[in-house]
């Protein structure tokens, strides 16, 4: 499979489609985390039958999260941190592979980092 490199313009154009998906993904993740907290006492007790409506809904939410992740990845980008809403787009900068780095809520891609640098190594484009 060929490696997909994004230009800054290509990646920015995709944000119109990816941003709403990431928004839904973050909402689903927050809902599952909240449900998990409410049911923690049940889920941690192996004697309790957890086959109820609340746990079934949580399983459906997990399936929806996986579906949304797959939709985002289908664009060729990488979800780096679901909690923070971080997405990286592989790119070439001065002949080197780097990641264009976007965080949910940012209006456009304005940063990049080395392949091993991560979010803390972001630098302005």
PDB file of N, CA and C in Angstrom:
ATOM      1  N   UNK A   1       0.841  -1.180   0.000  1.00  0.00           N
ATOM      2  CA  UNK A   1       0.000   0.000   0.000  1.00  0.00           C
ATOM      3  C   UNK A   1       0.886   1.244   0.000  1.00  0.00           C
ATOM      4  N   UNK A   2       0.561   2.189  -0.846  1.00  0.00           N
ATOM      5  CA  UNK A   2       1.356   3.405  -0.967  1.00  0.00           C
ATOM      6  C   UNK A   2       1.138   4.314   0.248  1.00  0.00           C
ATOM      7  N   UNK A   3       2.204   4.979   0.621  1.00  0.00           N
ATOM      8  CA  UNK A   3       2.133   5.923   1.731  1.00  0.00           C
ATOM      9  C   UNK A   3       1.455   7.194   1.229  1.00  0.00           C
ATOM     10  N   UNK A   4       0.523   7.724   2.013  1.00  0.00           N
ATOM     11  CA  UNK A   4      -0.186   8.949   1.658  1.00  0.00           C
ATOM     12  C   UNK A   4       0.465  10.115   2.381  1.00  0.00           C
ATOM     13  N   UNK A   5       0.966  11.067   1.604  1.00  0.00           N
ATOM     14  CA  UNK A   5       1.497  12.304   2.164  1.00  0.00           C
ATOM     15  C   UNK A   5       0.496  13.425   1.907  1.00  0.00           C
ATOM     16  N   UNK A   6       0.273  14.240   2.906  1.00  0.00           N
ATOM     17  CA  UNK A   6      -0.652  15.359   2.806  1.00  0.00           C
ATOM     18  C   UNK A   6       0.120  16.667   2.692  1.00  0.00           C
ATOM     19  N   UNK A   7      -0.390  17.556   1.851  1.00  0.00           N
ATOM     20  CA  UNK A   7       0.086  18.930   1.904  1.00  0.00           C
ATOM     21  C   UNK A   7      -0.725  19.622   2.994  1.00  0.00           C
ATOM     22  N   UNK A   8      -0.268  20.777   3.418  1.00  0.00           N
ATOM     23  CA  UNK A   8      -1.010  21.526   4.434  1.00  0.00           C
ATOM     24  C   UNK A   8      -2.403  21.861   3.907  1.00  0.00           C
ATOM     25  N   UNK A   9      -2.493  22.274   2.642  1.00  0.00           N
ATOM     26  CA  UNK A   9      -3.799  22.617   2.054  1.00  0.00           C
ATOM     27  C   UNK A   9      -4.729  21.413   2.017  1.00  0.00           C
ATOM     28  N   UNK A  10      -4.213  20.251   1.615  1.00  0.00           N
ATOM     29  CA  UNK A  10      -5.043  19.037   1.569  1.00  0.00           C
ATOM     30  C   UNK A  10      -5.570  18.687   2.951  1.00  0.00           C
ATOM     31  N   UNK A  11      -4.693  18.713   3.929  1.00  0.00           N
ATOM     32  CA  UNK A  11      -5.101  18.372   5.294  1.00  0.00           C
ATOM     33  C   UNK A  11      -6.116  19.382   5.828  1.00  0.00           C
ATOM     34  N   UNK A  12      -5.887  20.659   5.560  1.00  0.00           N
ATOM     35  CA  UNK A  12      -6.834  21.678   6.023  1.00  0.00           C
ATOM     36  C   UNK A  12      -8.202  21.519   5.374  1.00  0.00           C
ATOM     37  N   UNK A  13      -8.244  21.148   4.103  1.00  0.00           N
ATOM     38  CA  UNK A  13      -9.531  20.934   3.430  1.00  0.00           C
ATOM     39  C   UNK A  13     -10.292  19.770   4.061  1.00  0.00           C
ATOM     40  N   UNK A  14      -9.582  18.751   4.510  1.00  0.00           N
ATOM     41  CA  UNK A  14     -10.229  17.601   5.140  1.00  0.00           C
ATOM     42  C   UNK A  14     -10.827  17.923   6.503  1.00  0.00           C
ATOM     43  N   UNK A  15     -10.348  18.958   7.143  1.00  0.00           N
ATOM     44  CA  UNK A  15     -10.832  19.282   8.487  1.00  0.00           C
ATOM     45  C   UNK A  15     -12.338  19.537   8.513  1.00  0.00           C
ATOM     46  N   UNK A  16     -12.893  20.043   7.421  1.00  0.00           N
ATOM     47  CA  UNK A  16     -14.336  20.288   7.373  1.00  0.00           C
ATOM     48  C   UNK A  16     -15.117  18.983   7.545  1.00  0.00           C
ATOM     49  N   UNK A  17     -14.546  17.880   7.092  1.00  0.00           N
ATOM     50  CA  UNK A  17     -15.192  16.583   7.229  1.00  0.00           C
ATOM     51  C   UNK A  17     -14.778  15.871   8.510  1.00  0.00           C
ATOM     52  N   UNK A  18     -13.522  16.019   8.887  1.00  0.00           N
ATOM     53  CA  UNK A  18     -12.992  15.298  10.042  1.00  0.00           C
ATOM     54  C   UNK A  18     -13.411  15.940  11.364  1.00  0.00           C
ATOM     55  N   UNK A  19     -13.477  17.243  11.420  1.00  0.00           N
ATOM     56  CA  UNK A  19     -13.792  17.925  12.675  1.00  0.00           C
ATOM     57  C   UNK A  19     -15.141  17.494  13.273  1.00  0.00           C
ATOM     58  N   UNK A  20     -16.225  17.427  12.474  1.00  0.00           N
ATOM     59  CA  UNK A  20     -17.492  16.971  13.069  1.00  0.00           C
ATOM     60  C   UNK A  20     -17.423  15.515  13.555  1.00  0.00           C
ATOM     61  N   UNK A  21     -16.689  14.676  12.836  1.00  0.00           N
ATOM     62  CA  UNK A  21     -16.524  13.283  13.269  1.00  0.00           C
ATOM     63  C   UNK A  21     -15.786  13.227  14.598  1.00  0.00           C
ATOM     64  N   UNK A  22     -14.732  14.026  14.715  1.00  0.00           N
ATOM     65  CA  UNK A  22     -13.971  14.058  15.974  1.00  0.00           C
ATOM     66  C   UNK A  22     -14.840  14.619  17.095  1.00  0.00           C
ATOM     67  N   UNK A  23     -15.658  15.605  16.805  1.00  0.00           N
ATOM     68  CA  UNK A  23     -16.559  16.148  17.823  1.00  0.00           C
ATOM     69  C   UNK A  23     -17.497  15.083  18.359  1.00  0.00           C
ATOM     70  N   UNK A  24     -18.093  14.300  17.449  1.00  0.00           N
ATOM     71  CA  UNK A  24     -18.986  13.214  17.871  1.00  0.00           C
ATOM     72  C   UNK A  24     -18.208  12.155  18.651  1.00  0.00           C
ATOM     73  N   UNK A  25     -17.013  11.872  18.196  1.00  0.00           N
ATOM     74  CA  UNK A  25     -16.170  10.879  18.852  1.00  0.00           C
ATOM     75  C   UNK A  25     -15.855  11.303  20.286  1.00  0.00           C
ATOM     76  N   UNK A  26     -15.515  12.557  20.478  1.00  0.00           N
ATOM     77  CA  UNK A  26     -15.210  13.053  21.824  1.00  0.00           C
ATOM     78  C   UNK A  26     -16.451  13.037  22.721  1.00  0.00           C
ATOM     79  N   UNK A  27     -17.615  13.340  22.143  1.00  0.00           N
ATOM     80  CA  UNK A  27     -18.859  13.277  22.910  1.00  0.00           C
ATOM     81  C   UNK A  27     -19.156  11.842  23.352  1.00  0.00           C
ATOM     82  N   UNK A  28     -18.996  10.898  22.415  1.00  0.00           N
ATOM     83  CA  UNK A  28     -19.244   9.490  22.738  1.00  0.00           C
ATOM     84  C   UNK A  28     -18.269   9.009  23.810  1.00  0.00           C
ATOM     85  N   UNK A  29     -17.021   9.395  23.678  1.00  0.00           N
ATOM     86  CA  UNK A  29     -16.011   8.991  24.647  1.00  0.00           C
ATOM     87  C   UNK A  29     -16.349   9.531  26.034  1.00  0.00           C
ATOM     88  N   UNK A  30     -16.776  10.777  26.104  1.00  0.00           N
ATOM     89  CA  UNK A  30     -17.152  11.376  27.390  1.00  0.00           C
ATOM     90  C   UNK A  30     -18.369  10.664  27.977  1.00  0.00           C
ATOM     91  N   UNK A  31     -19.323  10.303  27.122  1.00  0.00           N
ATOM     92  CA  UNK A  31     -20.513   9.609  27.611  1.00  0.00           C
ATOM     93  C   UNK A  31     -20.148   8.231  28.166  1.00  0.00           C
ATOM     94  N   UNK A  32     -19.302   7.498  27.455  1.00  0.00           N
ATOM     95  CA  UNK A  32     -18.882   6.182  27.924  1.00  0.00           C
ATOM     96  C   UNK A  32     -18.119   6.305  29.238  1.00  0.00           C
ATOM     97  N   UNK A  33     -17.252   7.300  29.343  1.00  0.00           N
ATOM     98  CA  UNK A  33     -16.499   7.497  30.586  1.00  0.00           C
ATOM     99  C   UNK A  33     -17.445   7.792  31.746  1.00  0.00           C
ATOM    100  N   UNK A  34     -18.458   8.601  31.496  1.00  0.00           N
ATOM    101  CA  UNK A  34     -19.434   8.926  32.531  1.00  0.00           C
ATOM    102  C   UNK A  34     -20.244   7.689  32.918  1.00  0.00           C
ATOM    103  N   UNK A  35     -20.668   6.922  31.921  1.00  0.00           N
ATOM    104  CA  UNK A  35     -21.418   5.689  32.203  1.00  0.00           C
ATOM    105  C   UNK A  35     -20.562   4.722  33.011  1.00  0.00           C
ATOM    106  N   UNK A  36     -19.318   4.613  32.629  1.00  0.00           N
ATOM    107  CA  UNK A  36     -18.395   3.701  33.314  1.00  0.00           C
ATOM    108  C   UNK A  36     -18.263   4.085  34.785  1.00  0.00           C
ATOM    109  N   UNK A  37     -18.159   5.387  35.024  1.00  0.00           N
ATOM    110  CA  UNK A  37     -18.030   5.856  36.404  1.00  0.00           C
ATOM    111  C   UNK A  37     -19.284   5.517  37.211  1.00  0.00           C
ATOM    112  N   UNK A  38     -20.449   5.706  36.615  1.00  0.00           N
ATOM    113  CA  UNK A  38     -21.705   5.436  37.315  1.00  0.00           C
ATOM    114  C   UNK A  38     -21.885   3.954  37.613  1.00  0.00           C
ATOM    115  N   UNK A  39     -21.344   3.109  36.739  1.00  0.00           N
ATOM    116  CA  UNK A  39     -21.528   1.665  36.898  1.00  0.00           C
ATOM    117  C   UNK A  39     -20.296   0.970  37.465  1.00  0.00           C
ATOM    118  N   UNK A  40     -19.329   1.734  37.892  1.00  0.00           N
ATOM    119  CA  UNK A  40     -18.058   1.160  38.334  1.00  0.00           C
ATOM    120  C   UNK A  40     -18.242   0.064  39.386  1.00  0.00           C
ATOM    121  N   UNK A  41     -19.095   0.307  40.341  1.00  0.00           N
ATOM    122  CA  UNK A  41     -19.301  -0.683  41.402  1.00  0.00           C
ATOM    123  C   UNK A  41     -19.865  -1.994  40.841  1.00  0.00           C
ATOM    124  N   UNK A  42     -20.665  -1.919  39.784  1.00  0.00           N
ATOM    125  CA  UNK A  42     -21.214  -3.127  39.166  1.00  0.00           C
ATOM    126  C   UNK A  42     -20.173  -3.845  38.317  1.00  0.00           C
ATOM    127  N   UNK A  43     -19.426  -3.070  37.542  1.00  0.00           N
ATOM    128  CA  UNK A  43     -18.471  -3.657  36.604  1.00  0.00           C
ATOM    129  C   UNK A  43     -17.287  -4.305  37.314  1.00  0.00           C
ATOM    130  N   UNK A  44     -16.982  -3.835  38.500  1.00  0.00           N
ATOM    131  CA  UNK A  44     -15.843  -4.382  39.238  1.00  0.00           C
ATOM    132  C   UNK A  44     -16.206  -5.597  40.092  1.00  0.00           C
ATOM    133  N   UNK A  45     -17.486  -5.915  40.174  1.00  0.00           N
ATOM    134  CA  UNK A  45     -17.929  -7.054  40.983  1.00  0.00           C
ATOM    135  C   UNK A  45     -18.238  -8.233  40.057  1.00  0.00           C
ATOM    136  N   UNK A  46     -17.409  -9.274  40.074  1.00  0.00           N
ATOM    137  CA  UNK A  46     -17.612 -10.391  39.148  1.00  0.00           C
ATOM    138  C   UNK A  46     -18.893 -11.187  39.408  1.00  0.00           C
ATOM    139  N   UNK A  47     -19.524 -11.002  40.547  1.00  0.00           N
ATOM    140  CA  UNK A  47     -20.754 -11.742  40.873  1.00  0.00           C
ATOM    141  C   UNK A  47     -21.999 -11.089  40.297  1.00  0.00           C
ATOM    142  N   UNK A  48     -21.878  -9.851  39.816  1.00  0.00           N
ATOM    143  CA  UNK A  48     -23.042  -9.112  39.342  1.00  0.00           C
ATOM    144  C   UNK A  48     -23.265  -9.398  37.858  1.00  0.00           C
ATOM    145  N   UNK A  49     -24.516  -9.648  37.505  1.00  0.00           N
ATOM    146  CA  UNK A  49     -24.893  -9.821  36.100  1.00  0.00           C
ATOM    147  C   UNK A  49     -25.006  -8.435  35.484  1.00  0.00           C
ATOM    148  N   UNK A  50     -24.099  -8.123  34.570  1.00  0.00           N
ATOM    149  CA  UNK A  50     -24.085  -6.783  33.977  1.00  0.00           C
ATOM    150  C   UNK A  50     -24.797  -6.742  32.634  1.00  0.00           C
ATOM    151  N   UNK A  51     -25.572  -7.758  32.322  1.00  0.00           N
ATOM    152  CA  UNK A  51     -26.298  -7.785  31.054  1.00  0.00           C
ATOM    153  C   UNK A  51     -27.588  -6.999  31.141  1.00  0.00           C
ATOM    154  N   UNK A  52     -27.477  -5.707  31.389  1.00  0.00           N
ATOM    155  CA  UNK A  52     -28.670  -4.867  31.504  1.00  0.00           C
ATOM    156  C   UNK A  52     -28.666  -3.799  30.414  1.00  0.00           C
ATOM    157  N   UNK A  53     -29.696  -2.971  30.404  1.00  0.00           N
ATOM    158  CA  UNK A  53     -29.847  -1.958  29.355  1.00  0.00           C
ATOM    159  C   UNK A  53     -28.695  -0.950  29.354  1.00  0.00           C
ATOM    160  N   UNK A  54     -28.228  -0.571  30.533  1.00  0.00           N
ATOM    161  CA  UNK A  54     -27.152   0.426  30.612  1.00  0.00           C
ATOM    162  C   UNK A  54     -25.856  -0.114  30.023  1.00  0.00           C
ATOM    163  N   UNK A  55     -25.520  -1.351  30.351  1.00  0.00           N
ATOM    164  CA  UNK A  55     -24.280  -1.910  29.790  1.00  0.00           C
ATOM    165  C   UNK A  55     -24.431  -2.200  28.308  1.00  0.00           C
ATOM    166  N   UNK A  56     -25.621  -2.592  27.883  1.00  0.00           N
ATOM    167  CA  UNK A  56     -25.857  -2.796  26.450  1.00  0.00           C
ATOM    168  C   UNK A  56     -25.684  -1.482  25.681  1.00  0.00           C
ATOM    169  N   UNK A  57     -26.169  -0.396  26.260  1.00  0.00           N
ATOM    170  CA  UNK A  57     -26.004   0.916  25.625  1.00  0.00           C
ATOM    171  C   UNK A  57     -24.534   1.292  25.550  1.00  0.00           C
ATOM    172  N   UNK A  58     -23.776   0.960  26.600  1.00  0.00           N
ATOM    173  CA  UNK A  58     -22.350   1.278  26.594  1.00  0.00           C
ATOM    174  C   UNK A  58     -21.626   0.465  25.519  1.00  0.00           C
ATOM    175  N   UNK A  59     -21.999  -0.780  25.347  1.00  0.00           N
ATOM    176  CA  UNK A  59     -21.401  -1.605  24.292  1.00  0.00           C
ATOM    177  C   UNK A  59     -21.708  -0.994  22.921  1.00  0.00           C
ATOM    178  N   UNK A  60     -22.917  -0.526  22.726  1.00  0.00           N
ATOM    179  CA  UNK A  60     -23.285   0.123  21.467  1.00  0.00           C
ATOM    180  C   UNK A  60     -22.473   1.405  21.264  1.00  0.00           C
ATOM    181  N   UNK A  61     -22.243   2.130  22.340  1.00  0.00           N
ATOM    182  CA  UNK A  61     -21.423   3.340  22.249  1.00  0.00           C
ATOM    183  C   UNK A  61     -19.988   2.992  21.842  1.00  0.00           C
ATOM    184  N   UNK A  62     -19.449   1.907  22.411  1.00  0.00           N
ATOM    185  CA  UNK A  62     -18.103   1.481  22.021  1.00  0.00           C
ATOM    186  C   UNK A  62     -18.057   1.132  20.536  1.00  0.00           C
ATOM    187  N   UNK A  63     -19.087   0.475  20.045  1.00  0.00           N
ATOM    188  CA  UNK A  63     -19.150   0.134  18.614  1.00  0.00           C
ATOM    189  C   UNK A  63     -19.191   1.399  17.769  1.00  0.00           C
ATOM    190  N   UNK A  64     -19.933   2.399  18.218  1.00  0.00           N
ATOM    191  CA  UNK A  64     -20.014   3.669  17.490  1.00  0.00           C
ATOM    192  C   UNK A  64     -18.671   4.388  17.513  1.00  0.00           C
ATOM    193  N   UNK A  65     -17.967   4.323  18.637  1.00  0.00           N
ATOM    194  CA  UNK A  65     -16.635   4.925  18.734  1.00  0.00           C
ATOM    195  C   UNK A  65     -15.700   4.272  17.725  1.00  0.00           C
ATOM    196  N   UNK A  66     -15.728   2.952  17.651  1.00  0.00           N
ATOM    197  CA  UNK A  66     -14.881   2.242  16.680  1.00  0.00           C
ATOM    198  C   UNK A  66     -15.231   2.638  15.248  1.00  0.00           C
ATOM    199  N   UNK A  67     -16.501   2.796  14.977  1.00  0.00           N
ATOM    200  CA  UNK A  67     -16.948   3.196  13.634  1.00  0.00           C
ATOM    201  C   UNK A  67     -16.442   4.602  13.289  1.00  0.00           C
ATOM    202  N   UNK A  68     -16.561   5.522  14.223  1.00  0.00           N
ATOM    203  CA  UNK A  68     -16.084   6.888  13.994  1.00  0.00           C
ATOM    204  C   UNK A  68     -14.570   6.924  13.808  1.00  0.00           C
ATOM    205  N   UNK A  69     -13.844   6.142  14.616  1.00  0.00           N
ATOM    206  CA  UNK A  69     -12.386   6.060  14.446  1.00  0.00           C
ATOM    207  C   UNK A  69     -12.032   5.552  13.052  1.00  0.00           C
ATOM    208  N   UNK A  70     -12.748   4.530  12.605  1.00  0.00           N
ATOM    209  CA  UNK A  70     -12.493   3.972  11.272  1.00  0.00           C
ATOM    210  C   UNK A  70     -12.786   5.003  10.184  1.00  0.00           C
ATOM    211  N   UNK A  71     -13.852   5.770  10.351  1.00  0.00           N
ATOM    212  CA  UNK A  71     -14.187   6.812   9.374  1.00  0.00           C
ATOM    213  C   UNK A  71     -13.069   7.848   9.285  1.00  0.00           C
ATOM    214  N   UNK A  72     -12.563   8.264  10.421  1.00  0.00           N
ATOM    215  CA  UNK A  72     -11.491   9.264  10.429  1.00  0.00           C
ATOM    216  C   UNK A  72     -10.225   8.683   9.808  1.00  0.00           C
ATOM    217  N   UNK A  73      -9.869   7.476  10.203  1.00  0.00           N
ATOM    218  CA  UNK A  73      -8.658   6.845   9.649  1.00  0.00           C
ATOM    219  C   UNK A  73      -8.766   6.591   8.152  1.00  0.00           C
ATOM    220  N   UNK A  74      -9.965   6.422   7.651  1.00  0.00           N
ATOM    221  CA  UNK A  74     -10.162   6.166   6.217  1.00  0.00           C
ATOM    222  C   UNK A  74      -9.675   7.334   5.358  1.00  0.00           C
ATOM    223  N   UNK A  75      -9.570   8.505   5.934  1.00  0.00           N
ATOM    224  CA  UNK A  75      -9.051   9.662   5.198  1.00  0.00           C
ATOM    225  C   UNK A  75      -7.533   9.581   5.030  1.00  0.00           C
ATOM    226  N   UNK A  76      -6.898   8.679   5.763  1.00  0.00           N
ATOM    227  CA  UNK A  76      -5.454   8.517   5.657  1.00  0.00           C
ATOM    228  C   UNK A  76      -4.676   9.191   6.772  1.00  0.00           C
ATOM    229  N   UNK A  77      -5.380   9.750   7.732  1.00  0.00           N
ATOM    230  CA  UNK A  77      -4.707  10.398   8.854  1.00  0.00           C
ATOM    231  C   UNK A  77      -4.670   9.441  10.039  1.00  0.00           C
ATOM    232  N   UNK A  78      -3.998   9.857  11.105  1.00  0.00           N
ATOM    233  CA  UNK A  78      -3.839   9.019  12.284  1.00  0.00           C
ATOM    234  C   UNK A  78      -4.418   9.721  13.510  1.00  0.00           C
ATOM    235  N   UNK A  79      -5.293   9.038  14.220  1.00  0.00           N
ATOM    236  CA  UNK A  79      -5.793   9.553  15.495  1.00  0.00           C
ATOM    237  C   UNK A  79      -4.719   9.220  16.522  1.00  0.00           C
ATOM    238  N   UNK A  80      -4.088  10.263  17.062  1.00  0.00           N
ATOM    239  CA  UNK A  80      -2.968  10.064  17.978  1.00  0.00           C
ATOM    240  C   UNK A  80      -3.378  10.040  19.440  1.00  0.00           C
ATOM    241  N   UNK A  81      -4.375  10.832  19.792  1.00  0.00           N
ATOM    242  CA  UNK A  81      -4.810  10.883  21.192  1.00  0.00           C
ATOM    243  C   UNK A  81      -6.293  11.191  21.210  1.00  0.00           C
ATOM    244  N   UNK A  82      -7.078  10.177  21.506  1.00  0.00           N
ATOM    245  CA  UNK A  82      -8.524  10.343  21.518  1.00  0.00           C
ATOM    246  C   UNK A  82      -8.970  11.283  22.624  1.00  0.00           C
ATOM    247  N   UNK A  83      -8.320  11.233  23.771  1.00  0.00           N
ATOM    248  CA  UNK A  83      -8.709  12.102  24.881  1.00  0.00           C
ATOM    249  C   UNK A  83      -8.546  13.578  24.533  1.00  0.00           C
ATOM    250  N   UNK A  84      -7.502  13.914  23.794  1.00  0.00           N
ATOM    251  CA  UNK A  84      -7.220  15.307  23.449  1.00  0.00           C
ATOM    252  C   UNK A  84      -7.749  15.696  22.073  1.00  0.00           C
ATOM    253  N   UNK A  85      -8.230  14.732  21.309  1.00  0.00           N
ATOM    254  CA  UNK A  85      -8.713  15.035  19.963  1.00  0.00           C
ATOM    255  C   UNK A  85      -7.578  15.359  19.001  1.00  0.00           C
ATOM    256  N   UNK A  86      -6.460  14.641  19.116  1.00  0.00           N
ATOM    257  CA  UNK A  86      -5.283  14.903  18.283  1.00  0.00           C
ATOM    258  C   UNK A  86      -5.269  14.014  17.048  1.00  0.00           C
ATOM    259  N   UNK A  87      -5.027  14.639  15.915  1.00  0.00           N
ATOM    260  CA  UNK A  87      -4.906  13.922  14.648  1.00  0.00           C
ATOM    261  C   UNK A  87      -3.640  14.388  13.957  1.00  0.00           C
ATOM    262  N   UNK A  88      -2.898  13.440  13.392  1.00  0.00           N
ATOM    263  CA  UNK A  88      -1.689  13.735  12.624  1.00  0.00           C
ATOM    264  C   UNK A  88      -1.882  13.321  11.170  1.00  0.00           C
ATOM    265  N   UNK A  89      -1.293  14.120  10.286  1.00  0.00           N
ATOM    266  CA  UNK A  89      -1.303  13.867   8.851  1.00  0.00           C
ATOM    267  C   UNK A  89       0.146  13.753   8.408  1.00  0.00           C
ATOM    268  N   UNK A  90       0.521  12.626   7.851  1.00  0.00           N
ATOM    269  CA  UNK A  90       1.885  12.428   7.374  1.00  0.00           C
ATOM    270  C   UNK A  90       2.151  13.395   6.226  1.00  0.00           C
ATOM    271  N   UNK A  91       3.304  14.038   6.261  1.00  0.00           N
ATOM    272  CA  UNK A  91       3.637  15.050   5.260  1.00  0.00           C
ATOM    273  C   UNK A  91       5.138  15.035   5.013  1.00  0.00           C
ATOM    274  N   UNK A  92       5.527  15.675   3.935  1.00  0.00           N
ATOM    275  CA  UNK A  92       6.947  15.873   3.644  1.00  0.00           C
ATOM    276  C   UNK A  92       7.256  17.345   3.846  1.00  0.00           C
ATOM    277  N   UNK A  93       8.283  17.616   4.609  1.00  0.00           N
ATOM    278  CA  UNK A  93       8.710  19.005   4.860  1.00  0.00           C
ATOM    279  C   UNK A  93      10.219  19.042   4.655  1.00  0.00           C
ATOM    280  N   UNK A  94      10.639  19.801   3.663  1.00  0.00           N
ATOM    281  CA  UNK A  94      12.063  19.900   3.322  1.00  0.00           C
ATOM    282  C   UNK A  94      12.678  18.514   3.103  1.00  0.00           C
ATOM    283  N   UNK A  95      11.905  17.630   2.436  1.00  0.00           N
ATOM    284  CA  UNK A  95      12.395  16.299   2.109  1.00  0.00           C
ATOM    285  C   UNK A  95      12.357  15.285   3.240  1.00  0.00           C
ATOM    286  N   UNK A  96      11.830  15.667   4.416  1.00  0.00           N
ATOM    287  CA  UNK A  96      11.738  14.768   5.570  1.00  0.00           C
ATOM    288  C   UNK A  96      10.282  14.478   5.886  1.00  0.00           C
ATOM    289  N   UNK A  97      10.036  13.269   6.367  1.00  0.00           N
ATOM    290  CA  UNK A  97       8.692  12.942   6.829  1.00  0.00           C
ATOM    291  C   UNK A  97       8.449  13.603   8.181  1.00  0.00           C
ATOM    292  N   UNK A  98       7.311  14.259   8.288  1.00  0.00           N
ATOM    293  CA  UNK A  98       6.868  14.882   9.538  1.00  0.00           C
ATOM    294  C   UNK A  98       5.361  14.652   9.649  1.00  0.00           C
ATOM    295  N   UNK A  99       4.822  14.993  10.791  1.00  0.00           N
ATOM    296  CA  UNK A  99       3.373  14.973  10.964  1.00  0.00           C
ATOM    297  C   UNK A  99       2.857  16.399  11.043  1.00  0.00           C
ATOM    298  N   UNK A 100       1.849  16.699  10.234  1.00  0.00           N
ATOM    299  CA  UNK A 100       1.068  17.909  10.422  1.00  0.00           C
ATOM    300  C   UNK A 100       0.138  17.593  11.574  1.00  0.00           C
ATOM    301  N   UNK A 101       0.087  18.455  12.549  1.00  0.00           N
ATOM    302  CA  UNK A 101      -0.589  18.147  13.808  1.00  0.00           C
ATOM    303  C   UNK A 101      -1.794  19.063  14.000  1.00  0.00           C
ATOM    304  N   UNK A 102      -2.941  18.452  14.273  1.00  0.00           N
ATOM    305  CA  UNK A 102      -4.168  19.203  14.505  1.00  0.00           C
ATOM    306  C   UNK A 102      -4.839  18.706  15.770  1.00  0.00           C
ATOM    307  N   UNK A 103      -5.359  19.647  16.533  1.00  0.00           N
ATOM    308  CA  UNK A 103      -6.108  19.318  17.745  1.00  0.00           C
ATOM    309  C   UNK A 103      -7.530  19.820  17.578  1.00  0.00           C
ATOM    310  N   UNK A 104      -8.482  18.989  17.961  1.00  0.00           N
ATOM    311  CA  UNK A 104      -9.892  19.363  17.835  1.00  0.00           C
ATOM    312  C   UNK A 104     -10.124  20.748  18.438  1.00  0.00           C
ATOM    313  N   UNK A 105     -10.810  21.575  17.682  1.00  0.00           N
ATOM    314  CA  UNK A 105     -11.095  22.937  18.120  1.00  0.00           C
ATOM    315  C   UNK A 105     -10.201  23.971  17.462  1.00  0.00           C
ATOM    316  N   UNK A 106      -9.054  23.544  16.951  1.00  0.00           N
ATOM    317  CA  UNK A 106      -8.184  24.479  16.234  1.00  0.00           C
ATOM    318  C   UNK A 106      -8.799  24.751  14.860  1.00  0.00           C
ATOM    319  N   UNK A 107      -8.775  26.001  14.403  1.00  0.00           N
ATOM    320  CA  UNK A 107      -9.444  26.333  13.140  1.00  0.00           C
ATOM    321  C   UNK A 107      -8.753  25.773  11.898  1.00  0.00           C
ATOM    322  N   UNK A 108      -7.462  25.513  12.009  1.00  0.00           N
ATOM    323  CA  UNK A 108      -6.707  24.993  10.859  1.00  0.00           C
ATOM    324  C   UNK A 108      -5.437  24.342  11.376  1.00  0.00           C
ATOM    325  N   UNK A 109      -4.758  23.666  10.469  1.00  0.00           N
ATOM    326  CA  UNK A 109      -3.485  23.053  10.829  1.00  0.00           C
ATOM    327  C   UNK A 109      -2.413  24.133  10.768  1.00  0.00           C
ATOM    328  N   UNK A 110      -1.781  24.370  11.879  1.00  0.00           N
ATOM    329  CA  UNK A 110      -0.775  25.424  11.960  1.00  0.00           C
ATOM    330  C   UNK A 110       0.533  24.919  12.553  1.00  0.00           C
ATOM    331  N   UNK A 111       0.601  23.599  12.823  1.00  0.00           N
ATOM    332  CA  UNK A 111       1.779  23.034  13.480  1.00  0.00           C
ATOM    333  C   UNK A 111       2.198  21.722  12.821  1.00  0.00           C
ATOM    334  N   UNK A 112       3.431  21.377  13.051  1.00  0.00           N
ATOM    335  CA  UNK A 112       3.954  20.071  12.651  1.00  0.00           C
ATOM    336  C   UNK A 112       4.894  19.603  13.750  1.00  0.00           C
ATOM    337  N   UNK A 113       5.223  18.316  13.700  1.00  0.00           N
ATOM    338  CA  UNK A 113       6.243  17.794  14.607  1.00  0.00           C
ATOM    339  C   UNK A 113       6.931  16.620  13.943  1.00  0.00           C
ATOM    340  N   UNK A 114       8.090  16.286  14.464  1.00  0.00           N
ATOM    341  CA  UNK A 114       8.843  15.145  13.950  1.00  0.00           C
ATOM    342  C   UNK A 114       8.041  13.874  14.205  1.00  0.00           C
ATOM    343  N   UNK A 115       8.365  12.812  13.502  1.00  0.00           N
ATOM    344  CA  UNK A 115       7.633  11.559  13.655  1.00  0.00           C
ATOM    345  C   UNK A 115       7.680  11.037  15.083  1.00  0.00           C
ATOM    346  N   UNK A 116       8.759  11.293  15.778  1.00  0.00           N
ATOM    347  CA  UNK A 116       8.889  10.824  17.157  1.00  0.00           C
ATOM    348  C   UNK A 116       8.675  11.938  18.181  1.00  0.00           C
ATOM    349  N   UNK A 117       8.357  13.139  17.702  1.00  0.00           N
ATOM    350  CA  UNK A 117       8.270  14.288  18.596  1.00  0.00           C
ATOM    351  C   UNK A 117       6.996  14.392  19.392  1.00  0.00           C
ATOM    352  N   UNK A 118       5.877  14.052  18.811  1.00  0.00           N
ATOM    353  CA  UNK A 118       4.610  14.152  19.504  1.00  0.00           C
ATOM    354  C   UNK A 118       4.129  15.582  19.718  1.00  0.00           C
ATOM    355  N   UNK A 119       2.997  15.694  20.370  1.00  0.00           N
ATOM    356  CA  UNK A 119       2.327  16.975  20.566  1.00  0.00           C
ATOM    357  C   UNK A 119       3.223  17.995  21.248  1.00  0.00           C
ATOM    358  N   UNK A 120       4.001  17.590  22.230  1.00  0.00           N
ATOM    359  CA  UNK A 120       4.860  18.523  22.954  1.00  0.00           C
ATOM    360  C   UNK A 120       5.987  19.073  22.081  1.00  0.00           C
ATOM    361  N   UNK A 121       6.262  18.390  20.973  1.00  0.00           N
ATOM    362  CA  UNK A 121       7.308  18.852  20.058  1.00  0.00           C
ATOM    363  C   UNK A 121       6.777  19.667  18.892  1.00  0.00           C
ATOM    364  N   UNK A 122       5.515  20.102  18.991  1.00  0.00           N
ATOM    365  CA  UNK A 122       4.918  20.869  17.880  1.00  0.00           C
ATOM    366  C   UNK A 122       5.664  22.163  17.650  1.00  0.00           C
ATOM    367  N   UNK A 123       5.781  22.482  16.358  1.00  0.00           N
ATOM    368  CA  UNK A 123       6.385  23.753  15.949  1.00  0.00           C
ATOM    369  C   UNK A 123       5.478  24.407  14.917  1.00  0.00           C
ATOM    370  N   UNK A 124       5.440  25.723  14.883  1.00  0.00           N
ATOM    371  CA  UNK A 124       4.599  26.397  13.891  1.00  0.00           C
ATOM    372  C   UNK A 124       5.075  26.079  12.474  1.00  0.00           C
ATOM    373  N   UNK A 125       4.136  26.014  11.559  1.00  0.00           N
ATOM    374  CA  UNK A 125       4.491  25.790  10.159  1.00  0.00           C
ATOM    375  C   UNK A 125       5.246  26.989   9.590  1.00  0.00           C
TER     376      UNK A 125
END
